[in-house]
Amino acid sequence: MVDHVGAASRPDFRTKPSLRGEQVLLRPVTVDDVPALMPMLLDAEVSRLTGNHSDGVPDESKILTWYGSRRAQDDRLDLAVVEVATGSVVGEVVLNEWDPGNESCNFRICLVPGTYGSGLGTEAARLVVGYGFERLGLHRISLEVYAFNARARRAYEKVGFVAEGVLRDALLWEGDRVDATVMSILAPEWFEHGGHPETTGHTSA
């Protein structure tokens, strides 16, 4: 395990790491990954799970520009999720919404349809969350998950995210109002269990 970065240090988001686990490799996302990620960006179920209200087909030129600019960002981290067994790009993980005053970031992950349930997302989350605490010196990493996305919530809990509260009716989706649960993990918790809360008895509320 690498040393914890001091709280006074500014996170080095400009360095885009490669992080390897047993099932996945996280590496800097590039414009060349867009064809592999397009099924994720076009999928209706992904839009529902992420609460993305965008109408119509995404503008591919804007998507190419977006992914082509990720390496230059110095206030966020965007990494491609690569399945080690196949070498295929199967999604992305992001640390964004950096709050320098509170040493915190938001976390999100999205996978290509057909790759769910194999543990890829859980391992990818552990890798990038660990990097956030151990190398970037963050104190808090948070996320929001909608009530109908129980599968994602279970994966977050396996990594050590703890439910903090509910944003009532946070999403209006096809006439239904859906709650969102705010979850977070703190640096002291990570350094205690390393993304495996079951080893210390930590469970989400």
N, C-alpha and C. Protein backbone atom coordinates (compact mmCIF):
# COMPACT_ATOMS: atom_id res chain seq x y z
N MET A 1 0.85 -1.18 0.00
CA MET A 1 0.00 0.00 0.00
C MET A 1 0.89 1.24 0.00
N VAL A 2 0.51 2.24 -0.82
CA VAL A 2 1.32 3.45 -0.88
C VAL A 2 1.02 4.35 0.30
N ASP A 3 1.90 5.30 0.56
CA ASP A 3 1.73 6.20 1.69
C ASP A 3 0.60 7.18 1.43
N HIS A 4 -0.09 7.55 2.49
CA HIS A 4 -1.15 8.54 2.42
C HIS A 4 -0.55 9.91 2.16
N VAL A 5 -1.13 10.66 1.21
CA VAL A 5 -0.67 11.99 0.90
C VAL A 5 -1.14 12.95 1.98
N GLY A 6 -0.32 13.85 2.41
CA GLY A 6 -0.68 14.81 3.44
C GLY A 6 -1.87 15.65 3.04
N ALA A 7 -2.67 16.06 4.03
CA ALA A 7 -3.89 16.79 3.76
C ALA A 7 -3.61 18.12 3.08
N ALA A 8 -2.41 18.70 3.32
CA ALA A 8 -2.11 19.99 2.75
C ALA A 8 -1.72 19.91 1.28
N SER A 9 -1.49 18.71 0.76
CA SER A 9 -1.06 18.54 -0.61
C SER A 9 -2.24 18.72 -1.57
N ARG A 10 -1.98 19.40 -2.69
CA ARG A 10 -3.00 19.53 -3.72
C ARG A 10 -3.03 18.24 -4.52
N PRO A 11 -4.20 17.64 -4.69
CA PRO A 11 -4.27 16.39 -5.43
C PRO A 11 -3.71 16.54 -6.84
N ASP A 12 -2.94 15.57 -7.26
CA ASP A 12 -2.35 15.59 -8.60
C ASP A 12 -3.28 14.90 -9.58
N PHE A 13 -4.27 15.65 -10.05
CA PHE A 13 -5.19 15.09 -11.03
C PHE A 13 -4.60 15.09 -12.44
N ARG A 14 -3.54 15.84 -12.65
CA ARG A 14 -2.97 15.89 -13.99
C ARG A 14 -2.29 14.57 -14.36
N THR A 15 -1.74 13.88 -13.35
CA THR A 15 -1.17 12.55 -13.61
C THR A 15 -2.31 11.55 -13.76
N LYS A 16 -2.34 10.87 -14.89
CA LYS A 16 -3.39 9.89 -15.17
C LYS A 16 -2.80 8.49 -15.04
N PRO A 17 -3.11 7.78 -13.96
CA PRO A 17 -2.43 6.52 -13.67
C PRO A 17 -3.02 5.33 -14.43
N SER A 18 -2.30 4.25 -14.39
CA SER A 18 -2.83 2.94 -14.76
C SER A 18 -2.84 2.10 -13.49
N LEU A 19 -4.00 1.52 -13.20
CA LEU A 19 -4.19 0.76 -11.95
C LEU A 19 -4.66 -0.64 -12.33
N ARG A 20 -3.95 -1.64 -11.89
CA ARG A 20 -4.26 -3.01 -12.31
C ARG A 20 -4.77 -3.85 -11.15
N GLY A 21 -5.86 -4.56 -11.39
CA GLY A 21 -6.38 -5.54 -10.46
C GLY A 21 -6.36 -6.91 -11.09
N GLU A 22 -7.05 -7.85 -10.48
CA GLU A 22 -7.09 -9.20 -11.03
C GLU A 22 -7.96 -9.28 -12.28
N GLN A 23 -9.08 -8.54 -12.29
CA GLN A 23 -10.02 -8.62 -13.39
C GLN A 23 -9.98 -7.42 -14.32
N VAL A 24 -9.59 -6.26 -13.79
CA VAL A 24 -9.64 -5.06 -14.61
C VAL A 24 -8.34 -4.27 -14.53
N LEU A 25 -8.11 -3.53 -15.59
CA LEU A 25 -7.05 -2.53 -15.65
C LEU A 25 -7.73 -1.19 -15.85
N LEU A 26 -7.40 -0.23 -15.02
CA LEU A 26 -7.85 1.15 -15.23
C LEU A 26 -6.71 1.92 -15.84
N ARG A 27 -6.99 2.62 -16.92
CA ARG A 27 -5.96 3.43 -17.59
C ARG A 27 -6.62 4.70 -18.12
N PRO A 28 -5.81 5.69 -18.50
CA PRO A 28 -6.39 6.93 -19.01
C PRO A 28 -7.33 6.67 -20.19
N VAL A 29 -8.50 7.25 -20.14
CA VAL A 29 -9.45 7.09 -21.23
C VAL A 29 -9.02 8.01 -22.38
N THR A 30 -9.22 7.56 -23.61
CA THR A 30 -8.81 8.33 -24.78
C THR A 30 -9.94 8.35 -25.80
N VAL A 31 -9.76 9.16 -26.81
CA VAL A 31 -10.76 9.25 -27.88
C VAL A 31 -10.88 7.91 -28.61
N ASP A 32 -9.83 7.10 -28.60
CA ASP A 32 -9.88 5.80 -29.27
C ASP A 32 -10.81 4.82 -28.57
N ASP A 33 -11.20 5.14 -27.33
CA ASP A 33 -12.10 4.26 -26.58
C ASP A 33 -13.57 4.52 -26.91
N VAL A 34 -13.86 5.58 -27.63
CA VAL A 34 -15.26 5.95 -27.89
C VAL A 34 -16.05 4.83 -28.56
N PRO A 35 -15.54 4.15 -29.60
CA PRO A 35 -16.35 3.08 -30.21
C PRO A 35 -16.76 2.01 -29.21
N ALA A 36 -15.88 1.65 -28.28
CA ALA A 36 -16.21 0.63 -27.28
C ALA A 36 -17.21 1.16 -26.26
N LEU A 37 -17.18 2.46 -26.00
CA LEU A 37 -18.06 3.04 -24.99
C LEU A 37 -19.42 3.46 -25.55
N MET A 38 -19.55 3.55 -26.87
CA MET A 38 -20.80 4.03 -27.46
C MET A 38 -22.02 3.20 -27.07
N PRO A 39 -21.93 1.84 -26.98
CA PRO A 39 -23.11 1.09 -26.53
C PRO A 39 -23.60 1.53 -25.16
N MET A 40 -22.68 1.92 -24.29
CA MET A 40 -23.04 2.42 -22.96
C MET A 40 -23.73 3.78 -23.08
N LEU A 41 -23.23 4.62 -23.96
CA LEU A 41 -23.77 5.97 -24.11
C LEU A 41 -25.13 5.98 -24.81
N LEU A 42 -25.42 4.92 -25.55
CA LEU A 42 -26.67 4.85 -26.32
C LEU A 42 -27.75 4.01 -25.64
N ASP A 43 -27.40 3.30 -24.57
CA ASP A 43 -28.31 2.33 -23.97
C ASP A 43 -29.39 3.00 -23.12
N ALA A 44 -30.64 2.64 -23.37
CA ALA A 44 -31.76 3.25 -22.65
C ALA A 44 -31.74 2.89 -21.17
N GLU A 45 -31.34 1.67 -20.83
CA GLU A 45 -31.31 1.27 -19.42
C GLU A 45 -30.20 2.01 -18.67
N VAL A 46 -29.08 2.22 -19.32
CA VAL A 46 -28.02 3.01 -18.70
C VAL A 46 -28.52 4.43 -18.43
N SER A 47 -29.25 5.00 -19.37
CA SER A 47 -29.81 6.34 -19.17
C SER A 47 -30.75 6.36 -17.97
N ARG A 48 -31.55 5.33 -17.80
CA ARG A 48 -32.47 5.28 -16.67
C ARG A 48 -31.70 5.16 -15.36
N LEU A 49 -30.73 4.27 -15.30
CA LEU A 49 -30.00 4.04 -14.05
C LEU A 49 -29.18 5.25 -13.63
N THR A 50 -28.76 6.05 -14.61
CA THR A 50 -27.97 7.23 -14.30
C THR A 50 -28.81 8.50 -14.27
N GLY A 51 -30.10 8.38 -14.57
CA GLY A 51 -30.98 9.55 -14.55
C GLY A 51 -30.67 10.56 -15.64
N ASN A 52 -30.19 10.07 -16.77
CA ASN A 52 -29.80 10.93 -17.89
C ASN A 52 -31.02 11.22 -18.76
N HIS A 53 -31.49 12.45 -18.75
CA HIS A 53 -32.69 12.83 -19.49
C HIS A 53 -32.41 13.27 -20.92
N SER A 54 -31.20 13.15 -21.39
CA SER A 54 -30.87 13.61 -22.74
C SER A 54 -31.76 12.93 -23.78
N ASP A 55 -32.27 13.72 -24.68
CA ASP A 55 -33.14 13.20 -25.74
C ASP A 55 -32.35 12.97 -27.03
N GLY A 56 -32.76 11.97 -27.78
CA GLY A 56 -32.16 11.73 -29.07
C GLY A 56 -30.81 11.05 -28.99
N VAL A 57 -30.18 10.92 -30.15
CA VAL A 57 -28.89 10.26 -30.27
C VAL A 57 -27.80 11.24 -29.88
N PRO A 58 -26.86 10.83 -29.03
CA PRO A 58 -25.77 11.73 -28.64
C PRO A 58 -24.98 12.21 -29.85
N ASP A 59 -24.50 13.43 -29.79
CA ASP A 59 -23.68 14.01 -30.85
C ASP A 59 -22.28 13.40 -30.78
N GLU A 60 -21.95 12.57 -31.77
CA GLU A 60 -20.68 11.85 -31.72
C GLU A 60 -19.49 12.79 -31.76
N SER A 61 -19.60 13.89 -32.47
CA SER A 61 -18.48 14.82 -32.53
C SER A 61 -18.19 15.43 -31.17
N LYS A 62 -19.26 15.73 -30.40
CA LYS A 62 -19.07 16.27 -29.06
C LYS A 62 -18.49 15.21 -28.12
N ILE A 63 -18.92 13.96 -28.32
CA ILE A 63 -18.38 12.87 -27.51
C ILE A 63 -16.89 12.69 -27.78
N LEU A 64 -16.50 12.73 -29.04
CA LEU A 64 -15.09 12.59 -29.40
C LEU A 64 -14.27 13.73 -28.80
N THR A 65 -14.81 14.93 -28.85
CA THR A 65 -14.10 16.07 -28.27
C THR A 65 -13.94 15.91 -26.76
N TRP A 66 -15.03 15.44 -26.11
CA TRP A 66 -15.00 15.25 -24.66
C TRP A 66 -13.92 14.25 -24.24
N TYR A 67 -13.93 13.06 -24.85
CA TYR A 67 -12.96 12.05 -24.46
C TYR A 67 -11.54 12.42 -24.89
N GLY A 68 -11.44 13.19 -25.95
CA GLY A 68 -10.13 13.64 -26.37
C GLY A 68 -9.50 14.66 -25.45
N SER A 69 -10.32 15.26 -24.58
CA SER A 69 -9.82 16.31 -23.68
C SER A 69 -9.58 15.82 -22.26
N ARG A 70 -9.80 14.55 -21.98
CA ARG A 70 -9.73 14.07 -20.59
C ARG A 70 -8.32 14.11 -20.01
N ARG A 71 -7.32 13.88 -20.82
CA ARG A 71 -5.94 13.86 -20.30
C ARG A 71 -5.50 15.22 -19.78
N ALA A 72 -6.09 16.28 -20.30
CA ALA A 72 -5.65 17.62 -19.93
C ALA A 72 -6.30 18.13 -18.65
N GLN A 73 -7.26 17.40 -18.11
CA GLN A 73 -7.99 17.89 -16.95
C GLN A 73 -7.14 17.81 -15.69
N ASP A 74 -7.08 18.91 -14.92
CA ASP A 74 -6.27 18.92 -13.70
C ASP A 74 -7.13 18.99 -12.44
N ASP A 75 -8.46 18.79 -12.59
CA ASP A 75 -9.34 18.83 -11.42
C ASP A 75 -10.26 17.62 -11.35
N ARG A 76 -9.98 16.61 -12.17
CA ARG A 76 -10.78 15.39 -12.17
C ARG A 76 -9.97 14.26 -12.80
N LEU A 77 -10.46 13.03 -12.62
CA LEU A 77 -9.78 11.85 -13.14
C LEU A 77 -10.77 10.98 -13.88
N ASP A 78 -10.51 10.72 -15.15
CA ASP A 78 -11.36 9.86 -15.99
C ASP A 78 -10.52 8.68 -16.48
N LEU A 79 -10.91 7.48 -16.11
CA LEU A 79 -10.17 6.29 -16.50
C LEU A 79 -11.07 5.29 -17.20
N ALA A 80 -10.53 4.63 -18.21
CA ALA A 80 -11.24 3.54 -18.88
C ALA A 80 -11.10 2.27 -18.06
N VAL A 81 -12.16 1.46 -18.05
CA VAL A 81 -12.14 0.15 -17.40
C VAL A 81 -11.90 -0.89 -18.49
N VAL A 82 -10.80 -1.59 -18.39
CA VAL A 82 -10.44 -2.61 -19.37
C VAL A 82 -10.50 -3.98 -18.71
N GLU A 83 -11.23 -4.90 -19.31
CA GLU A 83 -11.29 -6.27 -18.80
C GLU A 83 -9.98 -6.98 -19.14
N VAL A 84 -9.28 -7.44 -18.11
CA VAL A 84 -7.97 -8.05 -18.32
C VAL A 84 -8.07 -9.29 -19.20
N ALA A 85 -9.09 -10.11 -18.99
CA ALA A 85 -9.19 -11.38 -19.72
C ALA A 85 -9.33 -11.19 -21.22
N THR A 86 -9.99 -10.11 -21.64
CA THR A 86 -10.27 -9.92 -23.06
C THR A 86 -9.55 -8.73 -23.67
N GLY A 87 -9.08 -7.82 -22.83
CA GLY A 87 -8.48 -6.59 -23.34
C GLY A 87 -9.49 -5.58 -23.82
N SER A 88 -10.77 -5.84 -23.58
CA SER A 88 -11.83 -4.96 -24.07
C SER A 88 -12.13 -3.84 -23.08
N VAL A 89 -12.39 -2.65 -23.61
CA VAL A 89 -12.85 -1.54 -22.79
C VAL A 89 -14.33 -1.78 -22.46
N VAL A 90 -14.64 -1.84 -21.17
CA VAL A 90 -15.99 -2.19 -20.74
C VAL A 90 -16.67 -1.09 -19.92
N GLY A 91 -16.04 0.08 -19.81
CA GLY A 91 -16.68 1.15 -19.07
C GLY A 91 -15.70 2.22 -18.68
N GLU A 92 -16.13 3.07 -17.75
CA GLU A 92 -15.29 4.15 -17.26
C GLU A 92 -15.55 4.40 -15.79
N VAL A 93 -14.55 4.92 -15.09
CA VAL A 93 -14.69 5.38 -13.71
C VAL A 93 -14.21 6.81 -13.65
N VAL A 94 -14.83 7.58 -12.76
CA VAL A 94 -14.53 9.00 -12.70
C VAL A 94 -14.49 9.48 -11.25
N LEU A 95 -13.48 10.29 -10.92
CA LEU A 95 -13.48 11.11 -9.72
C LEU A 95 -13.62 12.55 -10.20
N ASN A 96 -14.71 13.22 -9.82
CA ASN A 96 -14.94 14.58 -10.29
C ASN A 96 -15.54 15.43 -9.17
N GLU A 97 -15.95 16.64 -9.51
CA GLU A 97 -16.52 17.57 -8.55
C GLU A 97 -15.60 17.74 -7.34
N TRP A 98 -14.32 17.91 -7.63
CA TRP A 98 -13.33 18.11 -6.57
C TRP A 98 -13.66 19.35 -5.77
N ASP A 99 -13.73 19.20 -4.46
CA ASP A 99 -14.00 20.29 -3.53
C ASP A 99 -12.72 20.52 -2.72
N PRO A 100 -11.89 21.49 -3.12
CA PRO A 100 -10.60 21.67 -2.45
C PRO A 100 -10.72 22.07 -1.00
N GLY A 101 -11.75 22.85 -0.65
CA GLY A 101 -11.89 23.29 0.73
C GLY A 101 -12.18 22.16 1.68
N ASN A 102 -12.81 21.10 1.17
CA ASN A 102 -13.21 19.98 2.02
C ASN A 102 -12.51 18.67 1.65
N GLU A 103 -11.57 18.74 0.70
CA GLU A 103 -10.77 17.57 0.30
C GLU A 103 -11.66 16.39 -0.07
N SER A 104 -12.65 16.65 -0.91
CA SER A 104 -13.60 15.60 -1.27
C SER A 104 -13.84 15.58 -2.78
N CYS A 105 -14.35 14.44 -3.24
CA CYS A 105 -14.69 14.25 -4.65
C CYS A 105 -15.96 13.43 -4.76
N ASN A 106 -16.59 13.55 -5.90
CA ASN A 106 -17.69 12.67 -6.27
C ASN A 106 -17.10 11.48 -7.05
N PHE A 107 -17.77 10.36 -6.97
CA PHE A 107 -17.36 9.16 -7.71
C PHE A 107 -18.52 8.68 -8.58
N ARG A 108 -18.19 8.25 -9.78
CA ARG A 108 -19.20 7.57 -10.59
C ARG A 108 -18.53 6.51 -11.45
N ILE A 109 -19.33 5.53 -11.80
CA ILE A 109 -18.86 4.44 -12.65
C ILE A 109 -19.98 4.06 -13.59
N CYS A 110 -19.63 3.70 -14.81
CA CYS A 110 -20.62 3.23 -15.77
C CYS A 110 -19.98 2.14 -16.61
N LEU A 111 -20.72 1.05 -16.80
CA LEU A 111 -20.22 -0.08 -17.57
C LEU A 111 -21.06 -0.32 -18.81
N VAL A 112 -20.43 -0.91 -19.81
CA VAL A 112 -21.11 -1.26 -21.05
C VAL A 112 -22.13 -2.36 -20.76
N PRO A 113 -23.34 -2.28 -21.32
CA PRO A 113 -24.34 -3.33 -21.12
C PRO A 113 -23.79 -4.71 -21.44
N GLY A 114 -24.17 -5.69 -20.61
CA GLY A 114 -23.71 -7.05 -20.80
C GLY A 114 -22.51 -7.41 -19.95
N THR A 115 -21.97 -6.44 -19.21
CA THR A 115 -20.81 -6.71 -18.37
C THR A 115 -21.14 -6.66 -16.89
N TYR A 116 -22.41 -6.48 -16.56
CA TYR A 116 -22.81 -6.37 -15.16
C TYR A 116 -22.75 -7.74 -14.47
N GLY A 117 -22.57 -7.71 -13.16
CA GLY A 117 -22.70 -8.91 -12.35
C GLY A 117 -21.50 -9.82 -12.32
N SER A 118 -20.39 -9.38 -12.92
CA SER A 118 -19.19 -10.23 -12.97
C SER A 118 -18.10 -9.75 -12.02
N GLY A 119 -18.37 -8.71 -11.25
CA GLY A 119 -17.39 -8.20 -10.31
C GLY A 119 -16.45 -7.17 -10.88
N LEU A 120 -16.59 -6.86 -12.18
CA LEU A 120 -15.69 -5.89 -12.80
C LEU A 120 -15.86 -4.51 -12.19
N GLY A 121 -17.13 -4.11 -11.99
CA GLY A 121 -17.40 -2.79 -11.45
C GLY A 121 -16.91 -2.64 -10.02
N THR A 122 -17.10 -3.68 -9.21
CA THR A 122 -16.67 -3.62 -7.82
C THR A 122 -15.15 -3.46 -7.73
N GLU A 123 -14.43 -4.25 -8.52
CA GLU A 123 -12.97 -4.14 -8.48
C GLU A 123 -12.51 -2.79 -9.01
N ALA A 124 -13.15 -2.30 -10.08
CA ALA A 124 -12.78 -0.99 -10.62
C ALA A 124 -13.00 0.10 -9.59
N ALA A 125 -14.11 0.01 -8.86
CA ALA A 125 -14.40 1.00 -7.82
C ALA A 125 -13.34 0.96 -6.73
N ARG A 126 -12.96 -0.23 -6.30
CA ARG A 126 -11.92 -0.34 -5.26
C ARG A 126 -10.61 0.29 -5.71
N LEU A 127 -10.25 0.05 -6.96
CA LEU A 127 -8.98 0.56 -7.45
C LEU A 127 -8.96 2.09 -7.47
N VAL A 128 -10.01 2.70 -8.00
CA VAL A 128 -9.98 4.15 -8.12
C VAL A 128 -10.24 4.84 -6.78
N VAL A 129 -11.06 4.24 -5.92
CA VAL A 129 -11.27 4.82 -4.60
C VAL A 129 -9.97 4.74 -3.79
N GLY A 130 -9.30 3.61 -3.86
CA GLY A 130 -8.02 3.48 -3.18
C GLY A 130 -7.02 4.51 -3.66
N TYR A 131 -6.99 4.76 -4.96
CA TYR A 131 -6.10 5.76 -5.52
C TYR A 131 -6.46 7.15 -4.99
N GLY A 132 -7.76 7.41 -4.89
CA GLY A 132 -8.20 8.70 -4.39
C GLY A 132 -7.72 8.99 -2.98
N PHE A 133 -7.75 7.97 -2.14
CA PHE A 133 -7.32 8.16 -0.76
C PHE A 133 -5.80 8.06 -0.60
N GLU A 134 -5.20 7.06 -1.23
CA GLU A 134 -3.80 6.76 -0.98
C GLU A 134 -2.84 7.66 -1.75
N ARG A 135 -3.24 8.11 -2.93
CA ARG A 135 -2.35 8.92 -3.76
C ARG A 135 -2.80 10.37 -3.89
N LEU A 136 -4.10 10.61 -3.94
CA LEU A 136 -4.58 11.98 -4.09
C LEU A 136 -4.81 12.68 -2.76
N GLY A 137 -4.85 11.92 -1.68
CA GLY A 137 -4.99 12.51 -0.36
C GLY A 137 -6.39 13.00 -0.05
N LEU A 138 -7.41 12.44 -0.70
CA LEU A 138 -8.79 12.85 -0.43
C LEU A 138 -9.21 12.39 0.96
N HIS A 139 -10.18 13.09 1.52
CA HIS A 139 -10.75 12.68 2.81
C HIS A 139 -12.10 12.01 2.63
N ARG A 140 -12.87 12.44 1.64
CA ARG A 140 -14.24 11.92 1.46
C ARG A 140 -14.51 11.72 -0.02
N ILE A 141 -15.10 10.59 -0.35
CA ILE A 141 -15.56 10.32 -1.71
C ILE A 141 -17.03 9.93 -1.61
N SER A 142 -17.86 10.58 -2.39
CA SER A 142 -19.31 10.37 -2.26
C SER A 142 -19.95 10.07 -3.61
N LEU A 143 -21.19 9.62 -3.55
CA LEU A 143 -21.96 9.32 -4.75
C LEU A 143 -23.44 9.37 -4.41
N GLU A 144 -24.26 9.33 -5.45
CA GLU A 144 -25.70 9.18 -5.29
C GLU A 144 -26.15 7.99 -6.14
N VAL A 145 -27.06 7.20 -5.59
CA VAL A 145 -27.57 6.04 -6.31
C VAL A 145 -29.09 6.03 -6.19
N TYR A 146 -29.77 5.82 -7.32
CA TYR A 146 -31.23 5.85 -7.32
C TYR A 146 -31.80 4.58 -6.71
N ALA A 147 -33.02 4.71 -6.17
CA ALA A 147 -33.64 3.62 -5.43
C ALA A 147 -33.84 2.37 -6.28
N PHE A 148 -34.02 2.54 -7.59
CA PHE A 148 -34.25 1.36 -8.43
C PHE A 148 -32.96 0.67 -8.87
N ASN A 149 -31.81 1.16 -8.41
CA ASN A 149 -30.53 0.57 -8.82
C ASN A 149 -29.90 -0.19 -7.65
N ALA A 150 -30.62 -1.21 -7.18
CA ALA A 150 -30.16 -1.99 -6.02
C ALA A 150 -28.85 -2.71 -6.31
N ARG A 151 -28.64 -3.14 -7.55
CA ARG A 151 -27.41 -3.85 -7.89
C ARG A 151 -26.20 -2.95 -7.68
N ALA A 152 -26.28 -1.71 -8.13
CA ALA A 152 -25.16 -0.79 -7.95
C ALA A 152 -24.93 -0.48 -6.48
N ARG A 153 -26.03 -0.31 -5.73
CA ARG A 153 -25.86 -0.01 -4.31
C ARG A 153 -25.12 -1.14 -3.59
N ARG A 154 -25.45 -2.39 -3.92
CA ARG A 154 -24.75 -3.52 -3.29
C ARG A 154 -23.26 -3.49 -3.62
N ALA A 155 -22.93 -3.13 -4.86
CA ALA A 155 -21.52 -3.06 -5.24
C ALA A 155 -20.81 -1.97 -4.46
N TYR A 156 -21.46 -0.82 -4.29
CA TYR A 156 -20.85 0.27 -3.53
C TYR A 156 -20.63 -0.14 -2.07
N GLU A 157 -21.60 -0.86 -1.52
CA GLU A 157 -21.48 -1.30 -0.13
C GLU A 157 -20.31 -2.26 0.03
N LYS A 158 -20.07 -3.10 -0.98
CA LYS A 158 -18.95 -4.04 -0.91
C LYS A 158 -17.61 -3.31 -0.85
N VAL A 159 -17.56 -2.13 -1.44
CA VAL A 159 -16.33 -1.34 -1.44
C VAL A 159 -16.17 -0.56 -0.14
N GLY A 160 -17.28 -0.34 0.58
CA GLY A 160 -17.22 0.37 1.84
C GLY A 160 -18.00 1.66 1.89
N PHE A 161 -18.74 1.98 0.82
CA PHE A 161 -19.59 3.17 0.86
C PHE A 161 -20.72 2.96 1.86
N VAL A 162 -21.02 4.00 2.62
CA VAL A 162 -22.03 3.95 3.67
C VAL A 162 -23.15 4.92 3.32
N ALA A 163 -24.39 4.45 3.46
CA ALA A 163 -25.55 5.31 3.20
C ALA A 163 -25.63 6.40 4.25
N GLU A 164 -25.80 7.65 3.78
CA GLU A 164 -25.87 8.79 4.69
C GLU A 164 -27.28 9.35 4.82
N GLY A 165 -28.04 9.30 3.75
CA GLY A 165 -29.38 9.88 3.77
C GLY A 165 -30.04 9.74 2.42
N VAL A 166 -31.28 10.22 2.35
CA VAL A 166 -32.08 10.06 1.14
C VAL A 166 -32.47 11.43 0.59
N LEU A 167 -32.26 11.61 -0.70
CA LEU A 167 -32.78 12.78 -1.41
C LEU A 167 -34.14 12.38 -1.98
N ARG A 168 -35.19 12.86 -1.37
CA ARG A 168 -36.53 12.43 -1.75
C ARG A 168 -36.93 12.99 -3.11
N ASP A 169 -37.54 12.10 -3.93
CA ASP A 169 -38.04 12.51 -5.24
C ASP A 169 -36.97 13.25 -6.05
N ALA A 170 -35.76 12.75 -5.99
CA ALA A 170 -34.65 13.43 -6.66
C ALA A 170 -34.72 13.32 -8.18
N LEU A 171 -35.40 12.29 -8.66
CA LEU A 171 -35.47 12.05 -10.10
C LEU A 171 -36.93 11.86 -10.53
N LEU A 172 -37.29 12.50 -11.61
CA LEU A 172 -38.59 12.25 -12.25
C LEU A 172 -38.31 11.47 -13.51
N TRP A 173 -38.76 10.21 -13.53
CA TRP A 173 -38.46 9.34 -14.67
C TRP A 173 -39.76 8.70 -15.17
N GLU A 174 -40.16 9.10 -16.36
CA GLU A 174 -41.35 8.55 -17.01
C GLU A 174 -42.56 8.59 -16.08
N GLY A 175 -42.73 9.72 -15.42
CA GLY A 175 -43.90 9.92 -14.57
C GLY A 175 -43.74 9.48 -13.13
N ASP A 176 -42.67 8.76 -12.81
CA ASP A 176 -42.44 8.31 -11.44
C ASP A 176 -41.33 9.14 -10.80
N ARG A 177 -41.54 9.49 -9.53
CA ARG A 177 -40.53 10.21 -8.78
C ARG A 177 -39.73 9.21 -7.94
N VAL A 178 -38.42 9.29 -8.04
CA VAL A 178 -37.53 8.28 -7.49
C VAL A 178 -36.57 8.93 -6.50
N ASP A 179 -36.41 8.29 -5.33
CA ASP A 179 -35.45 8.76 -4.34
C ASP A 179 -34.03 8.41 -4.76
N ALA A 180 -33.08 9.18 -4.25
CA ALA A 180 -31.66 8.88 -4.42
C ALA A 180 -31.03 8.79 -3.04
N THR A 181 -30.19 7.78 -2.85
CA THR A 181 -29.46 7.64 -1.59
C THR A 181 -28.06 8.23 -1.75
N VAL A 182 -27.69 9.09 -0.81
CA VAL A 182 -26.33 9.63 -0.76
C VAL A 182 -25.46 8.64 0.02
N MET A 183 -24.34 8.26 -0.57
CA MET A 183 -23.41 7.35 0.08
C MET A 183 -22.01 7.96 0.06
N SER A 184 -21.20 7.60 1.05
CA SER A 184 -19.82 8.09 1.05
C SER A 184 -18.92 7.08 1.73
N ILE A 185 -17.63 7.28 1.49
CA ILE A 185 -16.59 6.54 2.20
C ILE A 185 -15.53 7.56 2.59
N LEU A 186 -15.00 7.44 3.81
CA LEU A 186 -14.02 8.37 4.34
C LEU A 186 -12.64 7.74 4.40
N ALA A 187 -11.63 8.57 4.33
CA ALA A 187 -10.25 8.07 4.34
C ALA A 187 -9.95 7.16 5.54
N PRO A 188 -10.34 7.52 6.78
CA PRO A 188 -10.04 6.62 7.90
C PRO A 188 -10.68 5.24 7.74
N GLU A 189 -11.87 5.21 7.13
CA GLU A 189 -12.53 3.92 6.90
C GLU A 189 -11.76 3.11 5.88
N TRP A 190 -11.34 3.77 4.80
CA TRP A 190 -10.58 3.05 3.77
C TRP A 190 -9.29 2.48 4.34
N PHE A 191 -8.57 3.28 5.11
CA PHE A 191 -7.29 2.80 5.63
C PHE A 191 -7.47 1.72 6.69
N GLU A 192 -8.68 1.57 7.20
CA GLU A 192 -8.97 0.48 8.14
C GLU A 192 -9.28 -0.83 7.41
N HIS A 193 -10.09 -0.74 6.33
CA HIS A 193 -10.53 -2.00 5.70
C HIS A 193 -10.08 -2.17 4.24
N GLY A 194 -9.50 -1.13 3.63
CA GLY A 194 -8.97 -1.28 2.28
C GLY A 194 -9.99 -1.67 1.23
N GLY A 195 -11.23 -1.23 1.41
CA GLY A 195 -12.26 -1.55 0.43
C GLY A 195 -12.93 -2.88 0.64
N HIS A 196 -12.67 -3.51 1.79
CA HIS A 196 -13.29 -4.79 2.14
C HIS A 196 -13.91 -4.65 3.54
N PRO A 197 -15.02 -3.93 3.64
CA PRO A 197 -15.58 -3.65 4.97
C PRO A 197 -16.02 -4.89 5.73
N GLU A 198 -16.25 -5.98 5.02
CA GLU A 198 -16.68 -7.21 5.70
C GLU A 198 -15.58 -7.75 6.63
N THR A 199 -14.34 -7.35 6.38
CA THR A 199 -13.24 -7.85 7.21
C THR A 199 -13.19 -7.18 8.58
N THR A 200 -13.88 -6.04 8.71
CA THR A 200 -13.85 -5.30 9.98
C THR A 200 -15.23 -5.17 10.60
N GLY A 201 -16.22 -5.73 9.95
CA GLY A 201 -17.57 -5.65 10.48
C GLY A 201 -18.31 -4.39 10.10
N HIS A 202 -17.70 -3.54 9.24
CA HIS A 202 -18.38 -2.33 8.79
C HIS A 202 -19.47 -2.70 7.79
N THR A 203 -20.65 -2.19 7.98
CA THR A 203 -21.74 -2.40 7.04
C THR A 203 -22.45 -1.09 6.80
N SER A 204 -23.09 -1.00 5.62
CA SER A 204 -23.83 0.21 5.30
C SER A 204 -25.13 0.26 6.07
N ALA A 205 -25.52 1.46 6.45
CA ALA A 205 -26.78 1.63 7.19
C ALA A 205 -27.96 1.32 6.32
